[in-house]
PDB file of N, CA and C in Angstrom:
ATOM      1  N   MET A   1      37.895 137.313 201.524  1.00  0.00           N
ATOM      2  CA  MET A   1      37.364 137.850 200.295  1.00  0.00           C
ATOM      3  C   MET A   1      36.475 136.817 199.604  1.00  0.00           C
ATOM      4  N   ALA A   2      36.864 135.539 199.686  1.00  0.00           N
ATOM      5  CA  ALA A   2      36.065 134.500 199.046  1.00  0.00           C
ATOM      6  C   ALA A   2      34.687 134.394 199.688  1.00  0.00           C
ATOM      7  N   SER A   3      34.611 134.549 201.005  1.00  0.00           N
ATOM      8  CA  SER A   3      33.306 134.453 201.658  1.00  0.00           C
ATOM      9  C   SER A   3      32.459 135.699 201.393  1.00  0.00           C
ATOM     10  N   TYR A   4      33.085 136.835 201.184  1.00  0.00           N
ATOM     11  CA  TYR A   4      32.340 138.066 200.916  1.00  0.00           C
ATOM     12  C   TYR A   4      31.649 138.004 199.553  1.00  0.00           C
ATOM     13  N   PHE A   5      32.381 137.539 198.531  1.00  0.00           N
ATOM     14  CA  PHE A   5      31.823 137.480 197.181  1.00  0.00           C
ATOM     15  C   PHE A   5      31.166 136.142 196.865  1.00  0.00           C
ATOM     16  N   SER A   6      31.140 135.230 197.807  1.00  0.00           N
ATOM     17  CA  SER A   6      30.523 133.903 197.703  1.00  0.00           C
ATOM     18  C   SER A   6      31.041 133.079 196.530  1.00  0.00           C
ATOM     19  N   TRP A   7      32.339 133.103 196.316  1.00  0.00           N
ATOM     20  CA  TRP A   7      32.936 132.164 195.380  1.00  0.00           C
ATOM     21  C   TRP A   7      33.983 131.369 196.131  1.00  0.00           C
ATOM     22  N   GLY A   8      34.452 130.309 195.547  1.00  0.00           N
ATOM     23  CA  GLY A   8      35.352 129.398 196.235  1.00  0.00           C
ATOM     24  C   GLY A   8      36.705 130.004 196.543  1.00  0.00           C
ATOM     25  N   ILE A   9      37.344 129.470 197.550  1.00  0.00           N
ATOM     26  CA  ILE A   9      38.679 129.946 197.944  1.00  0.00           C
ATOM     27  C   ILE A   9      39.694 129.696 196.832  1.00  0.00           C
ATOM     28  N   MET A  10      39.478 128.634 196.051  1.00  0.00           N
ATOM     29  CA  MET A  10      40.412 128.329 194.962  1.00  0.00           C
ATOM     30  C   MET A  10      40.409 129.424 193.904  1.00  0.00           C
ATOM     31  N   TRP A  11      39.228 129.976 193.593  1.00  0.00           N
ATOM     32  CA  TRP A  11      39.156 131.064 192.620  1.00  0.00           C
ATOM     33  C   TRP A  11      39.839 132.325 193.146  1.00  0.00           C
ATOM     34  N   THR A  12      39.748 132.553 194.438  1.00  0.00           N
ATOM     35  CA  THR A  12      40.420 133.705 195.037  1.00  0.00           C
ATOM     36  C   THR A  12      41.929 133.549 194.937  1.00  0.00           C
ATOM     37  N   ILE A  13      42.426 132.361 195.250  1.00  0.00           N
ATOM     38  CA  ILE A  13      43.868 132.102 195.165  1.00  0.00           C
ATOM     39  C   ILE A  13      44.339 132.199 193.721  1.00  0.00           C
ATOM     40  N   LEU A  14      43.589 131.615 192.811  1.00  0.00           N
ATOM     41  CA  LEU A  14      43.955 131.657 191.397  1.00  0.00           C
ATOM     42  C   LEU A  14      43.956 133.089 190.863  1.00  0.00           C
ATOM     43  N   GLY A  15      42.935 133.855 191.198  1.00  0.00           N
ATOM     44  CA  GLY A  15      42.873 135.246 190.751  1.00  0.00           C
ATOM     45  C   GLY A  15      43.995 136.090 191.327  1.00  0.00           C
ATOM     46  N   SER A  16      44.300 135.890 192.601  1.00  0.00           N
ATOM     47  CA  SER A  16      45.397 136.631 193.232  1.00  0.00           C
ATOM     48  C   SER A  16      46.730 136.278 192.595  1.00  0.00           C
ATOM     49  N   THR A  17      46.919 135.000 192.286  1.00  0.00           N
ATOM     50  CA  THR A  17      48.161 134.565 191.646  1.00  0.00           C
ATOM     51  C   THR A  17      48.326 135.213 190.284  1.00  0.00           C
ATOM     52  N   VAL A  18      47.263 135.251 189.512  1.00  0.00           N
ATOM     53  CA  VAL A  18      47.327 135.865 188.183  1.00  0.00           C
ATOM     54  C   VAL A  18      47.630 137.355 188.291  1.00  0.00           C
ATOM     55  N   ILE A  19      46.995 138.029 189.225  1.00  0.00           N
ATOM     56  CA  ILE A  19      47.238 139.466 189.405  1.00  0.00           C
ATOM     57  C   ILE A  19      48.679 139.727 189.820  1.00  0.00           C
ATOM     58  N   TRP A  20      49.205 138.954 190.787  1.00  0.00           N
ATOM     59  CA  TRP A  20      50.583 139.142 191.234  1.00  0.00           C
ATOM     60  C   TRP A  20      51.585 138.815 190.130  1.00  0.00           C
ATOM     61  N   LEU A  21      51.320 137.786 189.335  1.00  0.00           N
ATOM     62  CA  LEU A  21      52.201 137.475 188.207  1.00  0.00           C
ATOM     63  C   LEU A  21      52.211 138.613 187.195  1.00  0.00           C
ATOM     64  N   PHE A  22      51.047 139.163 186.895  1.00  0.00           N
ATOM     65  CA  PHE A  22      50.969 140.283 185.962  1.00  0.00           C
ATOM     66  C   PHE A  22      51.756 141.486 186.475  1.00  0.00           C
ATOM     67  N   MET A  23      51.590 141.801 187.766  1.00  0.00           N
ATOM     68  CA  MET A  23      52.314 142.945 188.338  1.00  0.00           C
ATOM     69  C   MET A  23      53.822 142.690 188.334  1.00  0.00           C
ATOM     70  N   GLY A  24      54.248 141.485 188.625  1.00  0.00           N
ATOM     71  CA  GLY A  24      55.672 141.155 188.617  1.00  0.00           C
ATOM     72  C   GLY A  24      56.274 141.245 187.235  1.00  0.00           C
ATOM     73  N   ILE A  25      55.565 140.723 186.245  1.00  0.00           N
ATOM     74  CA  ILE A  25      56.065 140.784 184.869  1.00  0.00           C
ATOM     75  C   ILE A  25      56.118 142.226 184.386  1.00  0.00           C
ATOM     76  N   THR A  26      55.113 143.011 184.713  1.00  0.00           N
ATOM     77  CA  THR A  26      55.107 144.427 184.337  1.00  0.00           C
ATOM     78  C   THR A  26      56.276 145.166 184.983  1.00  0.00           C
ATOM     79  N   TYR A  27      56.521 144.911 186.267  1.00  0.00           N
ATOM     80  CA  TYR A  27      57.615 145.574 186.970  1.00  0.00           C
ATOM     81  C   TYR A  27      58.965 145.191 186.374  1.00  0.00           C
ATOM     82  N   THR A  28      59.189 143.894 186.125  1.00  0.00           N
ATOM     83  CA  THR A  28      60.490 143.483 185.599  1.00  0.00           C
ATOM     84  C   THR A  28      60.716 144.003 184.191  1.00  0.00           C
ATOM     85  N   SER A  29      59.680 144.045 183.367  1.00  0.00           N
ATOM     86  CA  SER A  29      59.876 144.566 182.014  1.00  0.00           C
ATOM     87  C   SER A  29      60.181 146.060 182.046  1.00  0.00           C
ATOM     88  N   THR A  30      59.523 146.798 182.929  1.00  0.00           N
ATOM     89  CA  THR A  30      59.809 148.227 183.070  1.00  0.00           C
ATOM     90  C   THR A  30      61.215 148.441 183.612  1.00  0.00           C
ATOM     91  N   PHE A  31      61.619 147.642 184.582  1.00  0.00           N
ATOM     92  CA  PHE A  31      62.955 147.755 185.162  1.00  0.00           C
ATOM     93  C   PHE A  31      64.022 147.481 184.113  1.00  0.00           C
ATOM     94  N   ARG A  32      63.854 146.426 183.332  1.00  0.00           N
ATOM     95  CA  ARG A  32      64.830 146.107 182.284  1.00  0.00           C
ATOM     96  C   ARG A  32      64.886 147.205 181.238  1.00  0.00           C
ATOM     97  N   ARG A  33      63.726 147.704 180.824  1.00  0.00           N
ATOM     98  CA  ARG A  33      63.681 148.753 179.805  1.00  0.00           C
ATOM     99  C   ARG A  33      64.427 149.997 180.275  1.00  0.00           C
ATOM    100  N   ASP A  34      64.191 150.407 181.516  1.00  0.00           N
ATOM    101  CA  ASP A  34      64.857 151.597 182.038  1.00  0.00           C
ATOM    102  C   ASP A  34      66.352 151.376 182.189  1.00  0.00           C
ATOM    103  N   ALA A  35      66.750 150.173 182.612  1.00  0.00           N
ATOM    104  CA  ALA A  35      68.175 149.893 182.776  1.00  0.00           C
ATOM    105  C   ALA A  35      68.879 149.887 181.426  1.00  0.00           C
ATOM    106  N   VAL A  36      68.278 149.293 180.421  1.00  0.00           N
ATOM    107  CA  VAL A  36      68.879 149.252 179.088  1.00  0.00           C
ATOM    108  C   VAL A  36      68.930 150.654 178.497  1.00  0.00           C
ATOM    109  N   ARG A  37      67.916 151.447 178.748  1.00  0.00           N
ATOM    110  CA  ARG A  37      67.885 152.817 178.236  1.00  0.00           C
ATOM    111  C   ARG A  37      69.032 153.644 178.816  1.00  0.00           C
ATOM    112  N   LYS A  38      69.380 153.393 180.079  1.00  0.00           N
ATOM    113  CA  LYS A  38      70.483 154.108 180.716  1.00  0.00           C
ATOM    114  C   LYS A  38      71.832 153.501 180.365  1.00  0.00           C
ATOM    115  N   GLY A  39      71.846 152.363 179.688  1.00  0.00           N
ATOM    116  CA  GLY A  39      73.092 151.708 179.325  1.00  0.00           C
ATOM    117  C   GLY A  39      73.721 150.953 180.473  1.00  0.00           C
ATOM    118  N   GLU A  40      72.921 150.539 181.429  1.00  0.00           N
ATOM    119  CA  GLU A  40      73.427 149.811 182.583  1.00  0.00           C
ATOM    120  C   GLU A  40      72.982 148.359 182.505  1.00  0.00           C
ATOM    121  N   GLN A  41      73.667 147.533 183.278  1.00  0.00           N
ATOM    122  CA  GLN A  41      73.246 146.140 183.366  1.00  0.00           C
ATOM    123  C   GLN A  41      72.045 146.059 184.311  1.00  0.00           C
ATOM    124  N   PRO A  42      71.006 145.325 183.929  1.00  0.00           N
ATOM    125  CA  PRO A  42      69.793 145.278 184.758  1.00  0.00           C
ATOM    126  C   PRO A  42      69.948 144.441 186.026  1.00  0.00           C
ATOM    127  N   VAL A  43      70.604 145.004 187.023  1.00  0.00           N
ATOM    128  CA  VAL A  43      70.728 144.356 188.331  1.00  0.00           C
ATOM    129  C   VAL A  43      70.355 145.370 189.401  1.00  0.00           C
ATOM    130  N   ILE A  44      69.924 144.891 190.541  1.00  0.00           N
ATOM    131  CA  ILE A  44      69.558 145.771 191.646  1.00  0.00           C
ATOM    132  C   ILE A  44      70.774 145.931 192.546  1.00  0.00           C
ATOM    133  N   VAL A  45      71.196 147.171 192.769  1.00  0.00           N
ATOM    134  CA  VAL A  45      72.348 147.459 193.622  1.00  0.00           C
ATOM    135  C   VAL A  45      71.973 148.552 194.614  1.00  0.00           C
ATOM    136  N   ASN A  46      72.808 148.735 195.607  1.00  0.00           N
ATOM    137  CA  ASN A  46      72.644 149.788 196.609  1.00  0.00           C
ATOM    138  C   ASN A  46      71.290 149.714 197.314  1.00  0.00           C
ATOM    139  N   VAL A  47      70.938 148.542 197.770  1.00  0.00           N
ATOM    140  CA  VAL A  47      69.701 148.373 198.521  1.00  0.00           C
ATOM    141  C   VAL A  47      69.944 148.825 199.949  1.00  0.00           C
ATOM    142  N   ILE A  48      69.093 149.708 200.454  1.00  0.00           N
ATOM    143  CA  ILE A  48      69.245 150.255 201.802  1.00  0.00           C
ATOM    144  C   ILE A  48      68.144 149.686 202.677  1.00  0.00           C
ATOM    145  N   TYR A  49      68.537 149.056 203.765  1.00  0.00           N
ATOM    146  CA  TYR A  49      67.571 148.508 204.711  1.00  0.00           C
ATOM    147  C   TYR A  49      67.495 149.416 205.925  1.00  0.00           C
ATOM    148  N   ASP A  50      66.303 149.695 206.386  1.00  0.00           N
ATOM    149  CA  ASP A  50      66.135 150.541 207.575  1.00  0.00           C
ATOM    150  C   ASP A  50      66.331 149.740 208.829  1.00  0.00           C
TER     151      ASP A  50
END
């Protein structure tokens, strides 16, 4: 992607890190909000692996 848009690899890594951090924070805040709304403790249980 860095070679396609002709900017440095460091900017690509930095931008990707910021985007992933934003998505992670958004997901965890939504998860906590929904868990608190249901009156449950915000933990992940019953994970099913294929």
